[in-house]
């Protein structure tokens, strides 16, 4: 498996975890913010790599997360995250993070997502649209 395949496989795995957790919440279940922060951290760690394959970044945590439901199958997210370059893990930037995730009508897969953050002056817009 080459590096890009590993990244995409990891993204799909984390999308599955997010789908399960958010689907349960949208169906009336409780939302564990600490678990969601952890799942978003790992999802963003893998997903942000696709934004610049030459100068890869990573996410070292999501915190102060606020979640609001939008309709039957979507949520808005706002909070903070730590991002830094993989080439020097001692450099970490505390960044604002905004985004949304929309699940399918059956709540069984992520239909789309959009996250936006500014890491030391570089804007990242991480999106999936179907």
C-alpha atoms as a PDB file:
ATOM      1  CA  UNK A   1       0.000   0.000   0.000  1.00  0.00           C
ATOM      2  CA  UNK A   2       1.493   3.337  -0.976  1.00  0.00           C
ATOM      3  CA  UNK A   3       1.316   6.456   1.178  1.00  0.00           C
ATOM      4  CA  UNK A   4      -1.705   7.983  -0.588  1.00  0.00           C
ATOM      5  CA  UNK A   5      -3.649   4.713  -0.282  1.00  0.00           C
ATOM      6  CA  UNK A   6      -2.822   4.579   3.442  1.00  0.00           C
ATOM      7  CA  UNK A   7      -4.040   8.156   3.909  1.00  0.00           C
ATOM      8  CA  UNK A   8      -7.293   7.485   2.045  1.00  0.00           C
ATOM      9  CA  UNK A   9      -7.865   4.240   3.949  1.00  0.00           C
ATOM     10  CA  UNK A  10      -7.350   6.047   7.264  1.00  0.00           C
ATOM     11  CA  UNK A  11      -9.736   8.826   6.209  1.00  0.00           C
ATOM     12  CA  UNK A  12     -12.418   6.250   5.352  1.00  0.00           C
ATOM     13  CA  UNK A  13     -11.934   4.521   8.717  1.00  0.00           C
ATOM     14  CA  UNK A  14     -12.331   7.816  10.593  1.00  0.00           C
ATOM     15  CA  UNK A  15     -15.342   8.803   8.462  1.00  0.00           C
ATOM     16  CA  UNK A  16     -16.935   5.539   9.617  1.00  0.00           C
ATOM     17  CA  UNK A  17     -16.327   6.389  13.274  1.00  0.00           C
ATOM     18  CA  UNK A  18     -17.700   9.902  12.821  1.00  0.00           C
ATOM     19  CA  UNK A  19     -20.735   8.554  10.963  1.00  0.00           C
ATOM     20  CA  UNK A  20     -21.531   6.136  13.772  1.00  0.00           C
ATOM     21  CA  UNK A  21     -21.139   8.720  16.507  1.00  0.00           C
ATOM     22  CA  UNK A  22     -22.956  11.564  14.739  1.00  0.00           C
ATOM     23  CA  UNK A  23     -25.685   9.226  13.462  1.00  0.00           C
ATOM     24  CA  UNK A  24     -26.397   8.090  17.020  1.00  0.00           C
ATOM     25  CA  UNK A  25     -26.556  11.730  18.168  1.00  0.00           C
ATOM     26  CA  UNK A  26     -28.876  12.762  15.324  1.00  0.00           C
ATOM     27  CA  UNK A  27     -31.122   9.804  16.199  1.00  0.00           C
ATOM     28  CA  UNK A  28     -31.600  11.159  19.719  1.00  0.00           C
ATOM     29  CA  UNK A  29     -28.628   9.630  21.505  1.00  0.00           C
ATOM     30  CA  UNK A  30     -26.136  11.319  23.794  1.00  0.00           C
ATOM     31  CA  UNK A  31     -23.051  12.978  22.310  1.00  0.00           C
ATOM     32  CA  UNK A  32     -19.709  12.478  24.024  1.00  0.00           C
ATOM     33  CA  UNK A  33     -17.773  15.650  23.215  1.00  0.00           C
ATOM     34  CA  UNK A  34     -14.486  14.115  24.359  1.00  0.00           C
ATOM     35  CA  UNK A  35     -14.974  11.172  21.992  1.00  0.00           C
ATOM     36  CA  UNK A  36     -16.003  13.494  19.157  1.00  0.00           C
ATOM     37  CA  UNK A  37     -12.917  15.667  19.768  1.00  0.00           C
ATOM     38  CA  UNK A  38     -10.716  12.575  19.596  1.00  0.00           C
ATOM     39  CA  UNK A  39     -12.401  11.285  16.425  1.00  0.00           C
ATOM     40  CA  UNK A  40     -12.112  14.707  14.776  1.00  0.00           C
ATOM     41  CA  UNK A  41      -8.448  14.952  15.776  1.00  0.00           C
ATOM     42  CA  UNK A  42      -7.636  11.673  14.033  1.00  0.00           C
ATOM     43  CA  UNK A  43      -9.877  12.447  11.051  1.00  0.00           C
ATOM     44  CA  UNK A  44      -8.263  15.871  10.558  1.00  0.00           C
ATOM     45  CA  UNK A  45      -4.772  14.435  11.080  1.00  0.00           C
ATOM     46  CA  UNK A  46      -5.281  12.213   8.051  1.00  0.00           C
ATOM     47  CA  UNK A  47      -7.491  14.508   5.972  1.00  0.00           C
ATOM     48  CA  UNK A  48      -5.291  17.618   6.172  1.00  0.00           C
ATOM     49  CA  UNK A  49      -2.412  15.634   4.625  1.00  0.00           C
ATOM     50  CA  UNK A  50      -4.262  15.652   1.282  1.00  0.00           C
ATOM     51  CA  UNK A  51      -4.196  19.467   1.218  1.00  0.00           C
ATOM     52  CA  UNK A  52      -0.418  19.622   0.673  1.00  0.00           C
ATOM     53  CA  UNK A  53       1.370  16.315   0.087  1.00  0.00           C
ATOM     54  CA  UNK A  54       4.784  18.024   0.014  1.00  0.00           C
ATOM     55  CA  UNK A  55       4.462  19.851   3.366  1.00  0.00           C
ATOM     56  CA  UNK A  56       2.176  17.608   5.372  1.00  0.00           C
ATOM     57  CA  UNK A  57       0.457  18.866   8.495  1.00  0.00           C
ATOM     58  CA  UNK A  58      -1.083  17.024  11.423  1.00  0.00           C
ATOM     59  CA  UNK A  59      -3.670  17.734  14.104  1.00  0.00           C
ATOM     60  CA  UNK A  60      -2.622  17.406  17.743  1.00  0.00           C
ATOM     61  CA  UNK A  61      -6.023  17.927  19.331  1.00  0.00           C
ATOM     62  CA  UNK A  62      -9.499  19.407  19.047  1.00  0.00           C
ATOM     63  CA  UNK A  63     -10.942  21.236  22.041  1.00  0.00           C
ATOM     64  CA  UNK A  64     -13.541  23.804  23.163  1.00  0.00           C
ATOM     65  CA  UNK A  65     -15.889  22.119  20.689  1.00  0.00           C
ATOM     66  CA  UNK A  66     -19.462  23.354  20.317  1.00  0.00           C
ATOM     67  CA  UNK A  67     -21.954  21.291  18.320  1.00  0.00           C
ATOM     68  CA  UNK A  68     -25.383  22.257  17.020  1.00  0.00           C
ATOM     69  CA  UNK A  69     -27.805  20.167  15.004  1.00  0.00           C
ATOM     70  CA  UNK A  70     -28.974  21.460  11.628  1.00  0.00           C
ATOM     71  CA  UNK A  71     -32.054  19.641  10.458  1.00  0.00           C
ATOM     72  CA  UNK A  72     -32.307  15.874  10.550  1.00  0.00           C
ATOM     73  CA  UNK A  73     -28.911  14.902   9.136  1.00  0.00           C
ATOM     74  CA  UNK A  74     -26.391  17.722   9.682  1.00  0.00           C
ATOM     75  CA  UNK A  75     -24.347  19.298  12.452  1.00  0.00           C
ATOM     76  CA  UNK A  76     -22.322  22.482  12.726  1.00  0.00           C
ATOM     77  CA  UNK A  77     -19.065  22.427  14.670  1.00  0.00           C
ATOM     78  CA  UNK A  78     -16.978  25.230  16.090  1.00  0.00           C
ATOM     79  CA  UNK A  79     -13.964  25.097  18.327  1.00  0.00           C
ATOM     80  CA  UNK A  80     -10.201  25.137  18.411  1.00  0.00           C
ATOM     81  CA  UNK A  81      -7.518  22.747  17.226  1.00  0.00           C
ATOM     82  CA  UNK A  82      -3.767  22.365  17.323  1.00  0.00           C
ATOM     83  CA  UNK A  83      -2.067  21.962  13.923  1.00  0.00           C
ATOM     84  CA  UNK A  84       1.579  21.772  12.972  1.00  0.00           C
ATOM     85  CA  UNK A  85       3.970  20.542  10.305  1.00  0.00           C
ATOM     86  CA  UNK A  86       4.957  16.882  10.393  1.00  0.00           C
ATOM     87  CA  UNK A  87       8.515  17.932   9.592  1.00  0.00           C
ATOM     88  CA  UNK A  88       8.853  19.544  13.050  1.00  0.00           C
ATOM     89  CA  UNK A  89       6.382  18.298  15.651  1.00  0.00           C
ATOM     90  CA  UNK A  90       7.621  20.894  18.153  1.00  0.00           C
ATOM     91  CA  UNK A  91       5.854  23.612  16.126  1.00  0.00           C
ATOM     92  CA  UNK A  92       2.177  23.703  17.075  1.00  0.00           C
ATOM     93  CA  UNK A  93      -0.368  26.396  16.194  1.00  0.00           C
ATOM     94  CA  UNK A  94      -3.598  26.916  18.151  1.00  0.00           C
ATOM     95  CA  UNK A  95      -6.244  27.595  15.491  1.00  0.00           C
ATOM     96  CA  UNK A  96      -9.940  28.283  15.227  1.00  0.00           C
ATOM     97  CA  UNK A  97     -11.861  25.472  13.563  1.00  0.00           C
ATOM     98  CA  UNK A  98     -15.285  25.755  11.963  1.00  0.00           C
ATOM     99  CA  UNK A  99     -17.150  23.140  10.041  1.00  0.00           C
ATOM    100  CA  UNK A 100     -20.174  21.067   9.259  1.00  0.00           C
ATOM    101  CA  UNK A 101     -20.906  17.432   8.556  1.00  0.00           C
ATOM    102  CA  UNK A 102     -23.932  16.125   6.675  1.00  0.00           C
ATOM    103  CA  UNK A 103     -24.869  12.477   6.788  1.00  0.00           C
ATOM    104  CA  UNK A 104     -27.012  10.628   4.270  1.00  0.00           C
ATOM    105  CA  UNK A 105     -30.773  10.591   4.847  1.00  0.00           C
ATOM    106  CA  UNK A 106     -30.409   7.115   6.441  1.00  0.00           C
ATOM    107  CA  UNK A 107     -27.544   8.439   8.637  1.00  0.00           C
ATOM    108  CA  UNK A 108     -25.287   5.634   7.390  1.00  0.00           C
ATOM    109  CA  UNK A 109     -22.462   7.546   5.659  1.00  0.00           C
ATOM    110  CA  UNK A 110     -21.008  11.043   5.420  1.00  0.00           C
ATOM    111  CA  UNK A 111     -22.504  12.785   2.436  1.00  0.00           C
ATOM    112  CA  UNK A 112     -20.434  15.947   2.799  1.00  0.00           C
ATOM    113  CA  UNK A 113     -18.232  17.895   5.169  1.00  0.00           C
ATOM    114  CA  UNK A 114     -16.550  21.253   5.183  1.00  0.00           C
ATOM    115  CA  UNK A 115     -13.945  22.440   7.685  1.00  0.00           C
ATOM    116  CA  UNK A 116     -12.047  25.688   7.633  1.00  0.00           C
ATOM    117  CA  UNK A 117      -9.004  26.700   9.657  1.00  0.00           C
ATOM    118  CA  UNK A 118      -6.149  29.175   9.394  1.00  0.00           C
ATOM    119  CA  UNK A 119      -2.772  27.697  10.332  1.00  0.00           C
ATOM    120  CA  UNK A 120      -0.182  30.436  10.762  1.00  0.00           C
ATOM    121  CA  UNK A 121      -1.601  32.474   7.866  1.00  0.00           C
ATOM    122  CA  UNK A 122      -2.358  29.552   5.547  1.00  0.00           C
ATOM    123  CA  UNK A 123      -6.077  28.871   5.126  1.00  0.00           C
ATOM    124  CA  UNK A 124      -7.117  25.249   4.822  1.00  0.00           C
ATOM    125  CA  UNK A 125     -10.589  24.396   3.565  1.00  0.00           C
ATOM    126  CA  UNK A 126     -11.089  20.678   3.979  1.00  0.00           C
ATOM    127  CA  UNK A 127     -14.143  19.542   2.084  1.00  0.00           C
ATOM    128  CA  UNK A 128     -15.975  16.559   0.677  1.00  0.00           C
ATOM    129  CA  UNK A 129     -19.004  17.120  -1.489  1.00  0.00           C
ATOM    130  CA  UNK A 130     -21.101  14.529  -3.267  1.00  0.00           C
END
